[in-house]
Amino acid sequence: MRTSILLFALAGLCCGAETLAQRIARNDPSKYRAAKRVHAGAGELHFSGMFDAQTFRTNLIFLHRGVIPPGGGIGHHFHNHMEEMFVILDNEAQFTVDGRTSTLQGPAGAPCRMGHSHAIYNPSNKPVQWMNIAVGSIKGKYDAFDLGDDRVDAQQDKTPVFITMRLDKKLLRPVDRMHGGTGTVRYRRALPPEVFYTNWSYVDHVVIPAGASLGMHRHEGVEEFFYVMDGEATAKLGSESAPLRKWDALPVFLNEAHAIENRSTADVELMIVGVARTKWALDTVEVKP
């Protein structure tokens, strides 16, 4: 239980800063904290918080970012008032949902809905780049019930019998002038709102080629964060602009006009998480220059 409290307490720095550059959460591995036997899991976990429950007006509780070392993991546990998703950005890990375990190849994730159990374990000899996203049914409400099960040597199913998210660039489809932007981006909605019981709306996967952009737009009922999986981009928020680099996270609040431009010579790969003020609020309003 003490480790569960630590996970919530380390949820991160509030990024509601005055300027766009200050608002961006920068992933800094030198600031990771080591937590042992998280939810009675194996080994230890290294992580820090990028956002916490105070960052957004909607019910996002935290974004954690870190590394699962070889032999480390998060033990089998329940959340009854929130939904969580473990995401791995490389290598592989064993994911458990409702007591069933399968190996997923990164980049991938598995959402765990309210009232269900989950865990993750790294049995390999390589560290796994990992993140954890949590959205509550109640603003700021964190809960957990540990099962005392580290899932080491768990029996596995070859095919997962739970919902998974694949961030596979081969699944993306071209979209011209997305949100009124320039060029052609490649896009896919990796998880739709039907997956979630909370107001977690979606997870999108986007690749922006050199010279292309997501145009200026706003959401009246949805807040988002943009996580840079690869590349370097320029974020625009109203009249401000600031650089985004690999592993940065940008929060965008209700009704804020924003755009993402790729002024570099290489692709920019993004994961976009949307959390609605009310369920099914999926509005998008393009903002004319």
C-alpha atoms as a PDB file:
ATOM      1  CA  MET A   1       0.000   0.000   0.000  1.00  0.00           C
ATOM      2  CA  ARG A   2       2.854   2.400   0.780  1.00  0.00           C
ATOM      3  CA  THR A   3       4.197   1.906  -2.751  1.00  0.00           C
ATOM      4  CA  SER A   4       0.725   2.521  -4.206  1.00  0.00           C
ATOM      5  CA  ILE A   5       0.593   5.827  -2.356  1.00  0.00           C
ATOM      6  CA  LEU A   6       4.075   6.657  -3.657  1.00  0.00           C
ATOM      7  CA  LEU A   7       2.947   6.112  -7.246  1.00  0.00           C
ATOM      8  CA  PHE A   8       0.148   8.623  -6.794  1.00  0.00           C
ATOM      9  CA  ALA A   9       2.265  11.104  -4.841  1.00  0.00           C
ATOM     10  CA  LEU A  10       4.916  11.100  -7.558  1.00  0.00           C
ATOM     11  CA  ALA A  11       2.355  11.847 -10.238  1.00  0.00           C
ATOM     12  CA  GLY A  12       4.474  14.749 -11.351  1.00  0.00           C
ATOM     13  CA  LEU A  13       4.965  18.392 -11.899  1.00  0.00           C
ATOM     14  CA  CYS A  14       1.932  20.493 -12.669  1.00  0.00           C
ATOM     15  CA  CYS A  15       2.548  21.843 -16.125  1.00  0.00           C
ATOM     16  CA  GLY A  16      -0.039  24.622 -16.040  1.00  0.00           C
ATOM     17  CA  ALA A  17       2.706  27.195 -16.642  1.00  0.00           C
ATOM     18  CA  GLU A  18       2.325  30.719 -17.961  1.00  0.00           C
ATOM     19  CA  THR A  19       4.192  30.200 -21.223  1.00  0.00           C
ATOM     20  CA  LEU A  20       3.963  27.396 -23.734  1.00  0.00           C
ATOM     21  CA  ALA A  21       7.633  26.487 -23.297  1.00  0.00           C
ATOM     22  CA  GLN A  22       7.175  26.203 -19.526  1.00  0.00           C
ATOM     23  CA  ARG A  23       4.050  24.100 -19.920  1.00  0.00           C
ATOM     24  CA  ILE A  24       5.729  21.334 -21.924  1.00  0.00           C
ATOM     25  CA  ALA A  25       6.719  18.376 -19.732  1.00  0.00           C
ATOM     26  CA  ARG A  26      10.237  17.204 -20.553  1.00  0.00           C
ATOM     27  CA  ASN A  27      11.094  13.589 -19.835  1.00  0.00           C
ATOM     28  CA  ASP A  28      14.324  13.518 -17.825  1.00  0.00           C
ATOM     29  CA  PRO A  29      15.615  10.028 -16.900  1.00  0.00           C
ATOM     30  CA  SER A  30      18.061  11.592 -14.418  1.00  0.00           C
ATOM     31  CA  LYS A  31      15.037  12.531 -12.303  1.00  0.00           C
ATOM     32  CA  TYR A  32      13.499   9.042 -12.221  1.00  0.00           C
ATOM     33  CA  ARG A  33      12.812   7.618  -8.781  1.00  0.00           C
ATOM     34  CA  ALA A  34      13.287   3.932  -7.988  1.00  0.00           C
ATOM     35  CA  ALA A  35      10.196   2.228  -6.514  1.00  0.00           C
ATOM     36  CA  LYS A  36      10.485  -1.367  -5.328  1.00  0.00           C
ATOM     37  CA  ARG A  37       7.743  -3.998  -5.436  1.00  0.00           C
ATOM     38  CA  VAL A  38       5.129  -1.662  -6.887  1.00  0.00           C
ATOM     39  CA  HIS A  39       1.699  -3.133  -6.112  1.00  0.00           C
ATOM     40  CA  ALA A  40       3.602  -6.185  -4.796  1.00  0.00           C
ATOM     41  CA  GLY A  41       5.290  -6.619  -8.170  1.00  0.00           C
ATOM     42  CA  ALA A  42       8.704  -8.039  -8.970  1.00  0.00           C
ATOM     43  CA  GLY A  43      11.932  -6.069  -8.754  1.00  0.00           C
ATOM     44  CA  GLU A  44      11.676  -2.324  -9.141  1.00  0.00           C
ATOM     45  CA  LEU A  45      10.408   0.431 -11.413  1.00  0.00           C
ATOM     46  CA  HIS A  46      12.153   3.708 -12.326  1.00  0.00           C
ATOM     47  CA  PHE A  47       9.846   6.614 -13.146  1.00  0.00           C
ATOM     48  CA  SER A  48       8.775  10.202 -12.659  1.00  0.00           C
ATOM     49  CA  GLY A  49       5.512  12.070 -13.171  1.00  0.00           C
ATOM     50  CA  MET A  50       4.877  14.311 -16.161  1.00  0.00           C
ATOM     51  CA  PHE A  51       1.294  15.371 -15.307  1.00  0.00           C
ATOM     52  CA  ASP A  52      -0.833  15.032 -12.190  1.00  0.00           C
ATOM     53  CA  ALA A  53      -4.495  15.441 -11.228  1.00  0.00           C
ATOM     54  CA  GLN A  54      -4.127  19.223 -11.007  1.00  0.00           C
ATOM     55  CA  THR A  55      -2.779  19.644 -14.543  1.00  0.00           C
ATOM     56  CA  PHE A  56      -6.114  19.275 -16.341  1.00  0.00           C
ATOM     57  CA  ARG A  57      -9.689  20.366 -15.672  1.00  0.00           C
ATOM     58  CA  THR A  58     -10.893  16.972 -16.893  1.00  0.00           C
ATOM     59  CA  ASN A  59     -10.292  13.756 -14.938  1.00  0.00           C
ATOM     60  CA  LEU A  60      -6.800  12.756 -16.055  1.00  0.00           C
ATOM     61  CA  ILE A  61      -5.087  11.660 -12.827  1.00  0.00           C
ATOM     62  CA  PHE A  62      -1.507  11.240 -14.002  1.00  0.00           C
ATOM     63  CA  LEU A  63       0.964  10.515 -16.740  1.00  0.00           C
ATOM     64  CA  HIS A  64       3.970   8.551 -15.467  1.00  0.00           C
ATOM     65  CA  ARG A  65       7.040   7.935 -17.604  1.00  0.00           C
ATOM     66  CA  GLY A  66       9.908   5.610 -16.827  1.00  0.00           C
ATOM     67  CA  VAL A  67      11.732   2.352 -17.380  1.00  0.00           C
ATOM     68  CA  ILE A  68      10.965  -1.202 -16.275  1.00  0.00           C
ATOM     69  CA  PRO A  69      14.368  -2.830 -15.670  1.00  0.00           C
ATOM     70  CA  PRO A  70      14.937  -6.523 -16.390  1.00  0.00           C
ATOM     71  CA  GLY A  71      13.073  -8.583 -13.819  1.00  0.00           C
ATOM     72  CA  GLY A  72      10.926  -5.625 -12.771  1.00  0.00           C
ATOM     73  CA  GLY A  73       7.234  -4.984 -13.014  1.00  0.00           C
ATOM     74  CA  ILE A  74       4.002  -3.859 -11.421  1.00  0.00           C
ATOM     75  CA  GLY A  75       2.023  -6.457  -9.486  1.00  0.00           C
ATOM     76  CA  HIS A  76      -1.525  -7.624 -10.076  1.00  0.00           C
ATOM     77  CA  HIS A  77      -4.032  -5.091  -8.704  1.00  0.00           C
ATOM     78  CA  PHE A  78      -7.495  -3.569  -9.146  1.00  0.00           C
ATOM     79  CA  HIS A  79      -8.757  -0.024  -9.670  1.00  0.00           C
ATOM     80  CA  ASN A  80     -12.461   0.462  -8.968  1.00  0.00           C
ATOM     81  CA  HIS A  81     -12.830   4.211  -9.596  1.00  0.00           C
ATOM     82  CA  MET A  82     -10.324   4.782 -12.385  1.00  0.00           C
ATOM     83  CA  GLU A  83      -8.914   3.373 -15.598  1.00  0.00           C
ATOM     84  CA  GLU A  84      -5.249   2.893 -16.335  1.00  0.00           C
ATOM     85  CA  MET A  85      -3.173   1.921 -19.329  1.00  0.00           C
ATOM     86  CA  PHE A  86       0.396   0.660 -19.328  1.00  0.00           C
ATOM     87  CA  VAL A  87       2.244   1.512 -22.565  1.00  0.00           C
ATOM     88  CA  ILE A  88       5.628   0.178 -23.671  1.00  0.00           C
ATOM     89  CA  LEU A  89       7.545   2.100 -26.310  1.00  0.00           C
ATOM     90  CA  ASP A  90      10.135  -0.542 -27.212  1.00  0.00           C
ATOM     91  CA  ASN A  91      11.173  -4.172 -26.673  1.00  0.00           C
ATOM     92  CA  GLU A  92       8.487  -6.377 -25.056  1.00  0.00           C
ATOM     93  CA  ALA A  93       6.729  -7.079 -21.771  1.00  0.00           C
ATOM     94  CA  GLN A  94       4.178  -9.454 -20.294  1.00  0.00           C
ATOM     95  CA  PHE A  95       0.813  -7.752 -19.782  1.00  0.00           C
ATOM     96  CA  THR A  96      -1.871  -9.177 -17.514  1.00  0.00           C
ATOM     97  CA  VAL A  97      -5.546  -8.179 -17.519  1.00  0.00           C
ATOM     98  CA  ASP A  98      -8.078 -10.050 -15.378  1.00  0.00           C
ATOM     99  CA  GLY A  99      -5.532 -12.755 -14.605  1.00  0.00           C
ATOM    100  CA  ARG A 100      -4.736 -13.587 -18.249  1.00  0.00           C
ATOM    101  CA  THR A 101      -1.204 -12.875 -19.470  1.00  0.00           C
ATOM    102  CA  SER A 102       0.300 -12.348 -22.931  1.00  0.00           C
ATOM    103  CA  THR A 103       3.517 -10.871 -24.287  1.00  0.00           C
ATOM    104  CA  LEU A 104       3.160  -7.624 -26.265  1.00  0.00           C
ATOM    105  CA  GLN A 105       5.802  -6.161 -28.546  1.00  0.00           C
ATOM    106  CA  GLY A 106       6.355  -2.427 -28.191  1.00  0.00           C
ATOM    107  CA  PRO A 107       5.169   0.090 -29.021  1.00  0.00           C
ATOM    108  CA  ALA A 108       1.898  -1.187 -27.577  1.00  0.00           C
ATOM    109  CA  GLY A 109      -0.385  -0.924 -24.594  1.00  0.00           C
ATOM    110  CA  ALA A 110      -3.344  -2.496 -22.833  1.00  0.00           C
ATOM    111  CA  PRO A 111      -6.125  -0.447 -21.213  1.00  0.00           C
ATOM    112  CA  CYS A 112      -7.574  -1.727 -17.938  1.00  0.00           C
ATOM    113  CA  ARG A 113     -11.142  -0.645 -17.323  1.00  0.00           C
ATOM    114  CA  MET A 114     -12.717   0.109 -13.961  1.00  0.00           C
ATOM    115  CA  GLY A 115     -13.339  -2.947 -11.816  1.00  0.00           C
ATOM    116  CA  HIS A 116     -10.804  -5.072 -13.673  1.00  0.00           C
ATOM    117  CA  SER A 117      -7.273  -6.083 -12.675  1.00  0.00           C
ATOM    118  CA  HIS A 118      -3.933  -5.696 -14.409  1.00  0.00           C
ATOM    119  CA  ALA A 119      -0.159  -6.078 -14.104  1.00  0.00           C
ATOM    120  CA  ILE A 120       3.020  -5.854 -16.174  1.00  0.00           C
ATOM    121  CA  TYR A 121       6.328  -7.719 -15.966  1.00  0.00           C
ATOM    122  CA  ASN A 122       9.622  -7.522 -17.863  1.00  0.00           C
ATOM    123  CA  PRO A 123      11.152 -11.034 -17.994  1.00  0.00           C
ATOM    124  CA  SER A 124      13.825 -10.060 -20.525  1.00  0.00           C
ATOM    125  CA  ASN A 125      17.411  -8.916 -20.091  1.00  0.00           C
ATOM    126  CA  LYS A 126      16.649  -5.482 -21.622  1.00  0.00           C
ATOM    127  CA  PRO A 127      15.035  -2.421 -20.013  1.00  0.00           C
ATOM    128  CA  VAL A 128      11.624  -1.424 -21.364  1.00  0.00           C
ATOM    129  CA  GLN A 129      10.621   2.199 -21.962  1.00  0.00           C
ATOM    130  CA  TRP A 130       7.274   2.483 -20.196  1.00  0.00           C
ATOM    131  CA  MET A 131       4.480   4.914 -19.417  1.00  0.00           C
ATOM    132  CA  ASN A 132       1.296   4.773 -17.369  1.00  0.00           C
ATOM    133  CA  ILE A 133      -1.807   6.871 -18.042  1.00  0.00           C
ATOM    134  CA  ALA A 134      -4.671   7.101 -15.547  1.00  0.00           C
ATOM    135  CA  VAL A 135      -8.134   8.660 -15.874  1.00  0.00           C
ATOM    136  CA  GLY A 136     -10.629   8.685 -13.013  1.00  0.00           C
ATOM    137  CA  SER A 137     -14.387   8.523 -12.732  1.00  0.00           C
ATOM    138  CA  ILE A 138     -14.036  11.125  -9.964  1.00  0.00           C
ATOM    139  CA  LYS A 139     -11.755  14.164 -10.256  1.00  0.00           C
ATOM    140  CA  GLY A 140      -8.454  13.399  -8.495  1.00  0.00           C
ATOM    141  CA  LYS A 141      -9.683  10.090  -7.040  1.00  0.00           C
ATOM    142  CA  TYR A 142      -6.997   7.383  -6.926  1.00  0.00           C
ATOM    143  CA  ASP A 143      -7.700   3.871  -5.624  1.00  0.00           C
ATOM    144  CA  ALA A 144      -5.980   0.502  -5.730  1.00  0.00           C
ATOM    145  CA  PHE A 145      -6.386  -2.989  -4.275  1.00  0.00           C
ATOM    146  CA  ASP A 146      -3.306  -5.224  -4.450  1.00  0.00           C
ATOM    147  CA  LEU A 147      -3.576  -8.970  -4.977  1.00  0.00           C
ATOM    148  CA  GLY A 148      -0.068  -9.891  -3.791  1.00  0.00           C
ATOM    149  CA  ASP A 149       0.747 -11.474  -7.158  1.00  0.00           C
ATOM    150  CA  ASP A 150       3.928 -10.472  -9.024  1.00  0.00           C
ATOM    151  CA  ARG A 151       2.988 -12.522 -12.150  1.00  0.00           C
ATOM    152  CA  VAL A 152       6.496 -13.985 -12.422  1.00  0.00           C
ATOM    153  CA  ASP A 153       6.315 -17.286 -14.366  1.00  0.00           C
ATOM    154  CA  ALA A 154       2.633 -16.676 -15.142  1.00  0.00           C
ATOM    155  CA  GLN A 155       1.050 -18.992 -17.699  1.00  0.00           C
ATOM    156  CA  GLN A 156       0.612 -17.136 -20.987  1.00  0.00           C
ATOM    157  CA  ASP A 157      -1.921 -17.055 -23.793  1.00  0.00           C
ATOM    158  CA  LYS A 158      -0.383 -16.868 -27.256  1.00  0.00           C
ATOM    159  CA  THR A 159      -3.173 -14.501 -28.337  1.00  0.00           C
ATOM    160  CA  PRO A 160      -4.249 -11.852 -25.803  1.00  0.00           C
ATOM    161  CA  VAL A 161      -7.819 -12.251 -24.537  1.00  0.00           C
ATOM    162  CA  PHE A 162      -7.986  -8.597 -23.510  1.00  0.00           C
ATOM    163  CA  ILE A 163      -8.076  -5.253 -25.333  1.00  0.00           C
ATOM    164  CA  THR A 164      -4.685  -4.174 -26.677  1.00  0.00           C
ATOM    165  CA  MET A 165      -3.397  -1.079 -28.439  1.00  0.00           C
ATOM    166  CA  ARG A 166      -0.875  -1.398 -31.273  1.00  0.00           C
ATOM    167  CA  LEU A 167       1.058   1.707 -32.248  1.00  0.00           C
ATOM    168  CA  ASP A 168       2.139   0.202 -35.548  1.00  0.00           C
ATOM    169  CA  LYS A 169       2.981   2.726 -38.271  1.00  0.00           C
ATOM    170  CA  LYS A 170       1.975   0.182 -40.911  1.00  0.00           C
ATOM    171  CA  LEU A 171      -1.656   0.586 -39.776  1.00  0.00           C
ATOM    172  CA  LEU A 172      -1.745   4.346 -40.367  1.00  0.00           C
ATOM    173  CA  ARG A 173      -3.727   5.838 -43.236  1.00  0.00           C
ATOM    174  CA  PRO A 174      -3.084   9.095 -45.157  1.00  0.00           C
ATOM    175  CA  VAL A 175      -5.121  12.183 -44.276  1.00  0.00           C
ATOM    176  CA  ASP A 176      -4.740  15.337 -46.361  1.00  0.00           C
ATOM    177  CA  ARG A 177      -4.646  18.722 -44.621  1.00  0.00           C
ATOM    178  CA  MET A 178      -5.690  17.332 -41.228  1.00  0.00           C
ATOM    179  CA  HIS A 179      -7.459  20.011 -39.164  1.00  0.00           C
ATOM    180  CA  GLY A 180      -6.736  22.421 -42.009  1.00  0.00           C
ATOM    181  CA  GLY A 181      -2.991  21.804 -41.843  1.00  0.00           C
ATOM    182  CA  THR A 182      -0.481  21.351 -44.651  1.00  0.00           C
ATOM    183  CA  GLY A 183       0.548  18.240 -46.530  1.00  0.00           C
ATOM    184  CA  THR A 184      -0.511  14.671 -45.844  1.00  0.00           C
ATOM    185  CA  VAL A 185      -0.161  13.067 -42.432  1.00  0.00           C
ATOM    186  CA  ARG A 186      -0.644   9.408 -41.551  1.00  0.00           C
ATOM    187  CA  TYR A 187      -3.275   8.813 -38.873  1.00  0.00           C
ATOM    188  CA  ARG A 188      -5.163   6.148 -36.954  1.00  0.00           C
ATOM    189  CA  ARG A 189      -7.481   6.145 -33.952  1.00  0.00           C
ATOM    190  CA  ALA A 190      -5.819   3.401 -31.932  1.00  0.00           C
ATOM    191  CA  LEU A 191      -8.492   3.335 -29.212  1.00  0.00           C
ATOM    192  CA  PRO A 192     -12.004   4.827 -29.552  1.00  0.00           C
ATOM    193  CA  PRO A 193     -14.210   6.104 -26.685  1.00  0.00           C
ATOM    194  CA  GLU A 194     -16.197   2.846 -26.616  1.00  0.00           C
ATOM    195  CA  VAL A 195     -13.206   1.115 -25.012  1.00  0.00           C
ATOM    196  CA  PHE A 196     -13.460   3.183 -21.833  1.00  0.00           C
ATOM    197  CA  TYR A 197     -16.019   3.525 -19.031  1.00  0.00           C
ATOM    198  CA  THR A 198     -14.612   6.876 -17.861  1.00  0.00           C
ATOM    199  CA  ASN A 199     -14.497  10.075 -19.916  1.00  0.00           C
ATOM    200  CA  TRP A 200     -11.254   8.895 -21.493  1.00  0.00           C
ATOM    201  CA  SER A 201     -12.113   9.638 -25.114  1.00  0.00           C
ATOM    202  CA  TYR A 202      -9.419   8.238 -27.391  1.00  0.00           C
ATOM    203  CA  VAL A 203      -5.816   7.450 -28.158  1.00  0.00           C
ATOM    204  CA  ASP A 204      -4.648   8.576 -31.599  1.00  0.00           C
ATOM    205  CA  HIS A 205      -1.453   7.652 -33.439  1.00  0.00           C
ATOM    206  CA  VAL A 206      -0.087  10.179 -35.941  1.00  0.00           C
ATOM    207  CA  VAL A 207       3.007  10.544 -38.105  1.00  0.00           C
ATOM    208  CA  ILE A 208       3.697  14.010 -39.536  1.00  0.00           C
ATOM    209  CA  PRO A 209       6.195  13.964 -42.425  1.00  0.00           C
ATOM    210  CA  ALA A 210       8.708  16.748 -42.989  1.00  0.00           C
ATOM    211  CA  GLY A 211       6.962  19.957 -44.053  1.00  0.00           C
ATOM    212  CA  ALA A 212       3.480  18.815 -43.009  1.00  0.00           C
ATOM    213  CA  SER A 213       1.350  19.866 -40.035  1.00  0.00           C
ATOM    214  CA  LEU A 214      -1.767  19.372 -37.964  1.00  0.00           C
ATOM    215  CA  GLY A 215      -3.621  22.638 -38.501  1.00  0.00           C
ATOM    216  CA  MET A 216      -4.761  25.091 -35.864  1.00  0.00           C
ATOM    217  CA  HIS A 217      -7.886  23.762 -34.110  1.00  0.00           C
ATOM    218  CA  ARG A 218      -9.537  23.579 -30.701  1.00  0.00           C
ATOM    219  CA  HIS A 219     -11.781  21.232 -28.717  1.00  0.00           C
ATOM    220  CA  GLU A 220     -14.622  22.715 -26.709  1.00  0.00           C
ATOM    221  CA  GLY A 221     -15.228  19.571 -24.641  1.00  0.00           C
ATOM    222  CA  VAL A 222     -11.969  17.597 -24.772  1.00  0.00           C
ATOM    223  CA  GLU A 223      -8.516  18.118 -23.307  1.00  0.00           C
ATOM    224  CA  GLU A 224      -5.508  16.405 -24.874  1.00  0.00           C
ATOM    225  CA  PHE A 225      -1.872  15.685 -24.385  1.00  0.00           C
ATOM    226  CA  PHE A 226       0.540  15.121 -27.247  1.00  0.00           C
ATOM    227  CA  TYR A 227       3.371  12.698 -26.509  1.00  0.00           C
ATOM    228  CA  VAL A 228       6.313  12.769 -28.929  1.00  0.00           C
ATOM    229  CA  MET A 229       7.339   9.197 -29.644  1.00  0.00           C
ATOM    230  CA  ASP A 230       9.998  10.235 -32.150  1.00  0.00           C
ATOM    231  CA  GLY A 231      11.290  13.277 -33.980  1.00  0.00           C
ATOM    232  CA  GLU A 232      11.213  17.023 -33.389  1.00  0.00           C
ATOM    233  CA  ALA A 233       8.204  19.262 -33.934  1.00  0.00           C
ATOM    234  CA  THR A 234       7.016  22.800 -33.308  1.00  0.00           C
ATOM    235  CA  ALA A 235       3.979  23.236 -31.082  1.00  0.00           C
ATOM    236  CA  LYS A 236       1.758  26.261 -31.581  1.00  0.00           C
ATOM    237  CA  LEU A 237      -0.699  27.427 -28.926  1.00  0.00           C
ATOM    238  CA  GLY A 238      -2.545  30.589 -29.850  1.00  0.00           C
ATOM    239  CA  SER A 239       0.169  33.066 -30.849  1.00  0.00           C
ATOM    240  CA  GLU A 240       2.985  31.157 -29.081  1.00  0.00           C
ATOM    241  CA  SER A 241       5.276  28.498 -30.474  1.00  0.00           C
ATOM    242  CA  ALA A 242       7.838  26.211 -28.830  1.00  0.00           C
ATOM    243  CA  PRO A 243       9.942  23.191 -29.825  1.00  0.00           C
ATOM    244  CA  LEU A 244       8.840  19.646 -28.990  1.00  0.00           C
ATOM    245  CA  ARG A 245      11.410  16.877 -28.957  1.00  0.00           C
ATOM    246  CA  LYS A 246      11.332  13.122 -28.504  1.00  0.00           C
ATOM    247  CA  TRP A 247       9.680  12.030 -25.226  1.00  0.00           C
ATOM    248  CA  ASP A 248       8.168  15.483 -24.495  1.00  0.00           C
ATOM    249  CA  ALA A 249       4.496  15.802 -23.539  1.00  0.00           C
ATOM    250  CA  LEU A 250       2.334  18.831 -24.313  1.00  0.00           C
ATOM    251  CA  PRO A 251      -0.957  19.408 -22.435  1.00  0.00           C
ATOM    252  CA  VAL A 252      -3.736  21.227 -24.276  1.00  0.00           C
ATOM    253  CA  PHE A 253      -6.700  22.470 -22.277  1.00  0.00           C
ATOM    254  CA  LEU A 254     -10.349  23.085 -23.152  1.00  0.00           C
ATOM    255  CA  ASN A 255     -10.928  25.550 -26.002  1.00  0.00           C
ATOM    256  CA  GLU A 256      -7.227  26.229 -26.598  1.00  0.00           C
ATOM    257  CA  ALA A 257      -6.328  26.675 -30.261  1.00  0.00           C
ATOM    258  CA  HIS A 258      -3.298  24.534 -31.079  1.00  0.00           C
ATOM    259  CA  ALA A 259      -1.312  23.126 -33.998  1.00  0.00           C
ATOM    260  CA  ILE A 260       1.706  20.874 -34.523  1.00  0.00           C
ATOM    261  CA  GLU A 261       4.161  21.588 -37.332  1.00  0.00           C
ATOM    262  CA  ASN A 262       7.064  19.518 -38.607  1.00  0.00           C
ATOM    263  CA  ARG A 263       9.784  21.941 -39.674  1.00  0.00           C
ATOM    264  CA  SER A 264      12.491  19.265 -39.513  1.00  0.00           C
ATOM    265  CA  THR A 265      13.738  16.881 -42.196  1.00  0.00           C
ATOM    266  CA  ALA A 266      12.509  13.663 -40.502  1.00  0.00           C
ATOM    267  CA  ASP A 267       9.119  12.274 -39.498  1.00  0.00           C
ATOM    268  CA  VAL A 268       7.456  13.231 -36.217  1.00  0.00           C
ATOM    269  CA  GLU A 269       5.551  10.418 -34.482  1.00  0.00           C
ATOM    270  CA  LEU A 270       2.894  11.334 -31.914  1.00  0.00           C
ATOM    271  CA  MET A 271       0.530   9.619 -29.506  1.00  0.00           C
ATOM    272  CA  ILE A 272      -2.442  11.844 -28.678  1.00  0.00           C
ATOM    273  CA  VAL A 273      -4.613  11.123 -25.624  1.00  0.00           C
ATOM    274  CA  GLY A 274      -7.999  12.826 -25.303  1.00  0.00           C
ATOM    275  CA  VAL A 275     -10.055  13.121 -22.103  1.00  0.00           C
ATOM    276  CA  ALA A 276     -13.550  14.597 -22.339  1.00  0.00           C
ATOM    277  CA  ARG A 277     -15.359  16.862 -19.946  1.00  0.00           C
ATOM    278  CA  THR A 278     -18.426  14.682 -20.496  1.00  0.00           C
ATOM    279  CA  LYS A 279     -18.663  11.283 -22.201  1.00  0.00           C
ATOM    280  CA  TRP A 280     -18.802  11.339 -26.012  1.00  0.00           C
ATOM    281  CA  ALA A 281     -17.673  14.974 -26.292  1.00  0.00           C
ATOM    282  CA  LEU A 282     -15.575  14.666 -29.459  1.00  0.00           C
ATOM    283  CA  ASP A 283     -15.905  18.127 -30.943  1.00  0.00           C
ATOM    284  CA  THR A 284     -13.169  19.658 -33.105  1.00  0.00           C
ATOM    285  CA  VAL A 285     -13.268  23.239 -34.382  1.00  0.00           C
ATOM    286  CA  GLU A 286     -10.739  24.342 -36.975  1.00  0.00           C
ATOM    287  CA  VAL A 287      -9.326  27.816 -36.390  1.00  0.00           C
ATOM    288  CA  LYS A 288      -8.782  29.905 -39.508  1.00  0.00           C
ATOM    289  CA  PRO A 289      -5.483  31.791 -39.725  1.00  0.00           C
END
